[in-house]
Amino acid sequence: LNYIFFSNTRFKIDYRNGNYILLSNGKSVRPSQVSQGERNIIGLCYFFASILQNQEESSGYTKEYLLVIDDPVSSFDVENRVGILSFLRYKLNQMLSACATTKVLMMSHDVSVIFDLQKVMDEVSANCAEVGKHAEYCSFQLVNKRIVPFKAKSHNEYTRLMKCVYEYGRNPDPTAELTIGNMTRRV
């Protein structure tokens, strides 16, 4: 949590008298009092911590794992997004540099997250290469019910969104009424 929030006091879990206590800025809070994003962060931290349960950190990642991480970043504000991406880079680097056969599947509906995750994986791949391990990644997208390679260099979400907003302005489509506001905001 310190790694994600860049703070030792912002969010913390203490173990006291046989119970876990959730602290936000030093004050005890109930899980129902924290945001959904903060709950997701706790869940992600717990996920990685549980991998090491009853193992030494130095050897815990040497086993082969299949990690499935669904949309780890999209729901966060910019500050927490940076922390989550940094944390993912740190943990994936630990795991992939310790075991070359570990596999990671990360999914997102947000194209900007995909670009960020590609940067994370570029760094992880480079770090693995420095220690003599090979880590590669591929990006795919779902198009017309088919999984196809995601071509980041030719993908321009801004242009696509601008075209949708322009077409809606020229000829409003009632089926787009629920999504046009979000598209305009993203532009």
C-alpha atoms as a PDB file:
ATOM      1  CA  LEU A   1       0.000   0.000   0.000  1.00  0.00           C
ATOM      2  CA  ASN A   2       2.907   2.353   0.737  1.00  0.00           C
ATOM      3  CA  TYR A   3       4.259   1.661  -2.740  1.00  0.00           C
ATOM      4  CA  ILE A   4       0.958   2.484  -4.450  1.00  0.00           C
ATOM      5  CA  PHE A   5       0.024   5.571  -2.435  1.00  0.00           C
ATOM      6  CA  PHE A   6       3.621   6.891  -2.155  1.00  0.00           C
ATOM      7  CA  SER A   7       2.977   7.350   1.567  1.00  0.00           C
ATOM      8  CA  ASN A   8       3.472   5.427   4.802  1.00  0.00           C
ATOM      9  CA  THR A   9       0.346   6.901   6.366  1.00  0.00           C
ATOM     10  CA  ARG A  10      -2.207   7.386   3.552  1.00  0.00           C
ATOM     11  CA  PHE A  11      -3.573   3.863   3.766  1.00  0.00           C
ATOM     12  CA  LYS A  12      -2.418   1.030   5.988  1.00  0.00           C
ATOM     13  CA  ILE A  13      -3.507  -2.326   7.370  1.00  0.00           C
ATOM     14  CA  ASP A  14      -2.341  -3.167  10.901  1.00  0.00           C
ATOM     15  CA  TYR A  15      -2.691  -6.397  12.818  1.00  0.00           C
ATOM     16  CA  ARG A  16      -3.811  -5.736  16.409  1.00  0.00           C
ATOM     17  CA  ASN A  17      -5.139  -8.139  19.028  1.00  0.00           C
ATOM     18  CA  GLY A  18      -5.845 -10.865  16.479  1.00  0.00           C
ATOM     19  CA  ASN A  19      -7.677  -8.536  14.076  1.00  0.00           C
ATOM     20  CA  TYR A  20      -6.772  -6.555  10.990  1.00  0.00           C
ATOM     21  CA  ILE A  21      -7.388  -2.828  11.327  1.00  0.00           C
ATOM     22  CA  LEU A  22      -7.748  -0.578   8.292  1.00  0.00           C
ATOM     23  CA  LEU A  23      -6.199   2.876   8.753  1.00  0.00           C
ATOM     24  CA  SER A  24      -6.670   5.883   6.514  1.00  0.00           C
ATOM     25  CA  ASN A  25      -4.367   8.782   7.395  1.00  0.00           C
ATOM     26  CA  GLY A  26      -3.789   7.188  10.795  1.00  0.00           C
ATOM     27  CA  LYS A  27      -7.485   6.835  11.668  1.00  0.00           C
ATOM     28  CA  SER A  28      -9.330   3.551  11.909  1.00  0.00           C
ATOM     29  CA  VAL A  29     -11.962   3.107   9.173  1.00  0.00           C
ATOM     30  CA  ARG A  30     -14.395   0.357   8.255  1.00  0.00           C
ATOM     31  CA  PRO A  31     -14.012  -1.294   4.843  1.00  0.00           C
ATOM     32  CA  SER A  32     -17.426   0.122   3.897  1.00  0.00           C
ATOM     33  CA  GLN A  33     -16.033   3.629   4.446  1.00  0.00           C
ATOM     34  CA  VAL A  34     -13.304   3.408   1.791  1.00  0.00           C
ATOM     35  CA  SER A  35     -13.838   3.946  -1.912  1.00  0.00           C
ATOM     36  CA  GLN A  36     -14.282   1.127  -4.397  1.00  0.00           C
ATOM     37  CA  GLY A  37     -10.901   2.041  -5.872  1.00  0.00           C
ATOM     38  CA  GLU A  38      -9.218   1.695  -2.476  1.00  0.00           C
ATOM     39  CA  ARG A  39     -10.907  -1.682  -2.007  1.00  0.00           C
ATOM     40  CA  ASN A  40      -9.588  -2.749  -5.405  1.00  0.00           C
ATOM     41  CA  ILE A  41      -6.091  -1.662  -4.395  1.00  0.00           C
ATOM     42  CA  ILE A  42      -6.333  -3.735  -1.201  1.00  0.00           C
ATOM     43  CA  GLY A  43      -7.524  -6.681  -3.287  1.00  0.00           C
ATOM     44  CA  LEU A  44      -4.603  -6.384  -5.710  1.00  0.00           C
ATOM     45  CA  CYS A  45      -2.101  -6.140  -2.845  1.00  0.00           C
ATOM     46  CA  TYR A  46      -3.698  -9.143  -1.148  1.00  0.00           C
ATOM     47  CA  PHE A  47      -3.563 -11.074  -4.429  1.00  0.00           C
ATOM     48  CA  PHE A  48       0.197 -10.622  -4.716  1.00  0.00           C
ATOM     49  CA  ALA A  49       0.784 -11.156  -0.988  1.00  0.00           C
ATOM     50  CA  SER A  50      -1.192 -14.414  -1.035  1.00  0.00           C
ATOM     51  CA  ILE A  51       1.141 -15.813  -3.693  1.00  0.00           C
ATOM     52  CA  LEU A  52       3.935 -15.667  -1.127  1.00  0.00           C
ATOM     53  CA  GLN A  53       1.895 -17.163   1.705  1.00  0.00           C
ATOM     54  CA  ASN A  54       4.096 -19.522   3.755  1.00  0.00           C
ATOM     55  CA  GLN A  55       7.084 -18.905   1.440  1.00  0.00           C
ATOM     56  CA  GLU A  56      10.215 -16.826   1.478  1.00  0.00           C
ATOM     57  CA  GLU A  57       9.999 -13.832  -0.847  1.00  0.00           C
ATOM     58  CA  SER A  58      13.383 -14.710  -2.350  1.00  0.00           C
ATOM     59  CA  SER A  59      12.156 -18.106  -3.590  1.00  0.00           C
ATOM     60  CA  GLY A  60       8.364 -17.673  -3.712  1.00  0.00           C
ATOM     61  CA  TYR A  61       8.298 -16.401  -7.260  1.00  0.00           C
ATOM     62  CA  THR A  62      10.520 -19.145  -8.682  1.00  0.00           C
ATOM     63  CA  LYS A  63       7.453 -21.334  -9.206  1.00  0.00           C
ATOM     64  CA  GLU A  64       5.474 -21.093 -12.416  1.00  0.00           C
ATOM     65  CA  TYR A  65       2.255 -19.072 -12.148  1.00  0.00           C
ATOM     66  CA  LEU A  66      -0.603 -18.083 -14.409  1.00  0.00           C
ATOM     67  CA  LEU A  67      -1.803 -14.631 -13.340  1.00  0.00           C
ATOM     68  CA  VAL A  68      -5.115 -13.291 -14.603  1.00  0.00           C
ATOM     69  CA  ILE A  69      -5.578  -9.611 -13.822  1.00  0.00           C
ATOM     70  CA  ASP A  70      -8.791  -7.977 -14.991  1.00  0.00           C
ATOM     71  CA  ASP A  71      -8.694  -4.210 -15.509  1.00  0.00           C
ATOM     72  CA  PRO A  72      -6.279  -3.324 -12.705  1.00  0.00           C
ATOM     73  CA  VAL A  73      -6.041   0.379 -13.505  1.00  0.00           C
ATOM     74  CA  SER A  74      -9.106   1.877 -15.232  1.00  0.00           C
ATOM     75  CA  SER A  75     -11.147   2.896 -12.197  1.00  0.00           C
ATOM     76  CA  PHE A  76      -8.458   5.028 -10.534  1.00  0.00           C
ATOM     77  CA  ASP A  77      -7.649   8.709 -10.586  1.00  0.00           C
ATOM     78  CA  VAL A  78      -4.328   9.756 -12.118  1.00  0.00           C
ATOM     79  CA  GLU A  79      -2.356   9.696  -8.850  1.00  0.00           C
ATOM     80  CA  ASN A  80      -3.454   6.180  -7.900  1.00  0.00           C
ATOM     81  CA  ARG A  81      -3.154   5.017 -11.502  1.00  0.00           C
ATOM     82  CA  VAL A  82       0.551   5.879 -11.476  1.00  0.00           C
ATOM     83  CA  GLY A  83       0.947   4.022  -8.179  1.00  0.00           C
ATOM     84  CA  ILE A  84      -0.864   0.921  -9.462  1.00  0.00           C
ATOM     85  CA  LEU A  85       1.151   0.849 -12.698  1.00  0.00           C
ATOM     86  CA  SER A  86       4.362   1.249 -10.730  1.00  0.00           C
ATOM     87  CA  PHE A  87       3.308  -1.538  -8.344  1.00  0.00           C
ATOM     88  CA  LEU A  88       2.382  -3.848 -11.250  1.00  0.00           C
ATOM     89  CA  ARG A  89       5.741  -3.176 -12.910  1.00  0.00           C
ATOM     90  CA  TYR A  90       7.519  -3.991  -9.624  1.00  0.00           C
ATOM     91  CA  LYS A  91       5.595  -7.227  -8.949  1.00  0.00           C
ATOM     92  CA  LEU A  92       5.619  -8.484 -12.545  1.00  0.00           C
ATOM     93  CA  ASN A  93       9.332  -7.778 -12.764  1.00  0.00           C
ATOM     94  CA  GLN A  94       9.885  -9.834  -9.595  1.00  0.00           C
ATOM     95  CA  MET A  95       7.814 -12.722 -10.879  1.00  0.00           C
ATOM     96  CA  LEU A  96       8.948 -12.847 -14.512  1.00  0.00           C
ATOM     97  CA  SER A  97      12.619 -12.383 -13.714  1.00  0.00           C
ATOM     98  CA  ALA A  98      12.405 -15.261 -11.198  1.00  0.00           C
ATOM     99  CA  CYS A  99      10.546 -17.704 -13.480  1.00  0.00           C
ATOM    100  CA  ALA A 100      10.594 -17.372 -17.249  1.00  0.00           C
ATOM    101  CA  THR A 101       7.603 -19.701 -17.674  1.00  0.00           C
ATOM    102  CA  THR A 102       5.204 -17.616 -15.578  1.00  0.00           C
ATOM    103  CA  LYS A 103       2.373 -16.265 -17.738  1.00  0.00           C
ATOM    104  CA  VAL A 104       0.373 -13.083 -17.195  1.00  0.00           C
ATOM    105  CA  LEU A 105      -2.965 -12.208 -18.780  1.00  0.00           C
ATOM    106  CA  MET A 106      -4.068  -8.618 -18.200  1.00  0.00           C
ATOM    107  CA  MET A 107      -7.311  -7.298 -19.622  1.00  0.00           C
ATOM    108  CA  SER A 108      -8.841  -3.842 -19.935  1.00  0.00           C
ATOM    109  CA  HIS A 109     -11.628  -2.114 -21.798  1.00  0.00           C
ATOM    110  CA  ASP A 110      -9.706   1.178 -21.684  1.00  0.00           C
ATOM    111  CA  VAL A 111      -7.270   1.701 -24.567  1.00  0.00           C
ATOM    112  CA  SER A 112      -5.193   4.191 -22.575  1.00  0.00           C
ATOM    113  CA  VAL A 113      -4.659   1.474 -19.948  1.00  0.00           C
ATOM    114  CA  ILE A 114      -3.487  -0.909 -22.671  1.00  0.00           C
ATOM    115  CA  PHE A 115      -0.906   1.669 -23.780  1.00  0.00           C
ATOM    116  CA  ASP A 116       0.226   2.122 -20.162  1.00  0.00           C
ATOM    117  CA  LEU A 117       0.449  -1.654 -19.626  1.00  0.00           C
ATOM    118  CA  GLN A 118       2.531  -1.964 -22.803  1.00  0.00           C
ATOM    119  CA  LYS A 119       5.006   0.549 -21.356  1.00  0.00           C
ATOM    120  CA  VAL A 120       5.096  -1.443 -18.117  1.00  0.00           C
ATOM    121  CA  MET A 121       5.760  -4.656 -20.036  1.00  0.00           C
ATOM    122  CA  ASP A 122       8.462  -2.982 -22.159  1.00  0.00           C
ATOM    123  CA  GLU A 123      10.286  -2.102 -18.933  1.00  0.00           C
ATOM    124  CA  VAL A 124       9.715  -5.538 -17.392  1.00  0.00           C
ATOM    125  CA  SER A 125      10.998  -7.229 -20.563  1.00  0.00           C
ATOM    126  CA  ALA A 126      14.118  -5.030 -20.552  1.00  0.00           C
ATOM    127  CA  ASN A 127      14.732  -5.737 -16.847  1.00  0.00           C
ATOM    128  CA  CYS A 128      14.356  -9.474 -17.402  1.00  0.00           C
ATOM    129  CA  ALA A 129      16.826  -9.339 -20.291  1.00  0.00           C
ATOM    130  CA  GLU A 130      19.359  -7.670 -17.994  1.00  0.00           C
ATOM    131  CA  VAL A 131      19.292 -10.701 -15.684  1.00  0.00           C
ATOM    132  CA  GLY A 132      19.401 -13.188 -18.560  1.00  0.00           C
ATOM    133  CA  LYS A 133      15.675 -14.006 -18.614  1.00  0.00           C
ATOM    134  CA  HIS A 134      13.404 -13.741 -21.614  1.00  0.00           C
ATOM    135  CA  ALA A 135      10.010 -12.083 -21.142  1.00  0.00           C
ATOM    136  CA  GLU A 136       7.886 -11.112 -24.088  1.00  0.00           C
ATOM    137  CA  TYR A 137       4.333  -9.930 -24.414  1.00  0.00           C
ATOM    138  CA  CYS A 138       1.621  -9.595 -27.033  1.00  0.00           C
ATOM    139  CA  SER A 139      -1.388  -7.293 -27.116  1.00  0.00           C
ATOM    140  CA  PHE A 140      -4.709  -8.275 -28.605  1.00  0.00           C
ATOM    141  CA  GLN A 141      -8.113  -6.707 -29.002  1.00  0.00           C
ATOM    142  CA  LEU A 142     -11.610  -7.976 -29.573  1.00  0.00           C
ATOM    143  CA  VAL A 143     -12.965  -6.805 -32.934  1.00  0.00           C
ATOM    144  CA  ASN A 144     -16.246  -8.110 -34.336  1.00  0.00           C
ATOM    145  CA  LYS A 145     -16.198 -11.078 -31.950  1.00  0.00           C
ATOM    146  CA  ARG A 146     -12.653 -12.026 -33.001  1.00  0.00           C
ATOM    147  CA  ILE A 147      -9.373 -11.671 -31.150  1.00  0.00           C
ATOM    148  CA  VAL A 148      -6.858  -9.862 -33.349  1.00  0.00           C
ATOM    149  CA  PRO A 149      -3.430  -8.318 -32.707  1.00  0.00           C
ATOM    150  CA  PHE A 150      -3.585  -4.814 -31.248  1.00  0.00           C
ATOM    151  CA  LYS A 151      -1.475  -2.522 -33.394  1.00  0.00           C
ATOM    152  CA  ALA A 152      -0.583   0.313 -31.061  1.00  0.00           C
ATOM    153  CA  LYS A 153       1.285   2.324 -33.676  1.00  0.00           C
ATOM    154  CA  SER A 154      -1.709   2.482 -36.023  1.00  0.00           C
ATOM    155  CA  HIS A 155      -4.365   2.791 -33.310  1.00  0.00           C
ATOM    156  CA  ASN A 156      -5.537   6.324 -32.679  1.00  0.00           C
ATOM    157  CA  GLU A 157      -8.391   6.391 -30.194  1.00  0.00           C
ATOM    158  CA  TYR A 158      -8.616  10.185 -30.325  1.00  0.00           C
ATOM    159  CA  THR A 159      -9.268  10.190 -34.075  1.00  0.00           C
ATOM    160  CA  ARG A 160     -11.834   7.414 -33.753  1.00  0.00           C
ATOM    161  CA  LEU A 161     -13.663   9.221 -30.945  1.00  0.00           C
ATOM    162  CA  MET A 162     -13.604  12.530 -32.850  1.00  0.00           C
ATOM    163  CA  LYS A 163     -15.204  10.808 -35.848  1.00  0.00           C
ATOM    164  CA  CYS A 164     -17.956   9.358 -33.639  1.00  0.00           C
ATOM    165  CA  VAL A 165     -18.669  12.745 -32.026  1.00  0.00           C
ATOM    166  CA  TYR A 166     -18.651  14.467 -35.447  1.00  0.00           C
ATOM    167  CA  GLU A 167     -21.020  11.900 -36.960  1.00  0.00           C
ATOM    168  CA  TYR A 168     -23.340  12.215 -33.963  1.00  0.00           C
ATOM    169  CA  GLY A 169     -23.346  16.005 -34.413  1.00  0.00           C
ATOM    170  CA  ARG A 170     -24.210  15.670 -38.101  1.00  0.00           C
ATOM    171  CA  ASN A 171     -26.829  12.962 -37.674  1.00  0.00           C
ATOM    172  CA  PRO A 172     -27.798  12.203 -34.039  1.00  0.00           C
ATOM    173  CA  ASP A 173     -28.332   8.500 -33.524  1.00  0.00           C
ATOM    174  CA  PRO A 174     -30.725   7.721 -30.636  1.00  0.00           C
ATOM    175  CA  THR A 175     -28.790   4.509 -29.865  1.00  0.00           C
ATOM    176  CA  ALA A 176     -25.675   6.588 -29.098  1.00  0.00           C
ATOM    177  CA  GLU A 177     -27.387   8.931 -26.622  1.00  0.00           C
ATOM    178  CA  LEU A 178     -26.132   6.959 -23.623  1.00  0.00           C
ATOM    179  CA  THR A 179     -22.501   6.944 -24.764  1.00  0.00           C
ATOM    180  CA  ILE A 180     -21.962  10.212 -26.647  1.00  0.00           C
ATOM    181  CA  GLY A 181     -21.397  12.237 -23.458  1.00  0.00           C
ATOM    182  CA  ASN A 182     -18.639   9.881 -22.319  1.00  0.00           C
ATOM    183  CA  MET A 183     -17.055   9.912 -25.789  1.00  0.00           C
ATOM    184  CA  THR A 184     -17.075  13.719 -25.816  1.00  0.00           C
ATOM    185  CA  ARG A 185     -15.543  13.827 -22.333  1.00  0.00           C
ATOM    186  CA  ARG A 186     -12.778  11.432 -23.398  1.00  0.00           C
ATOM    187  CA  VAL A 187     -11.980  13.613 -26.426  1.00  0.00           C
END
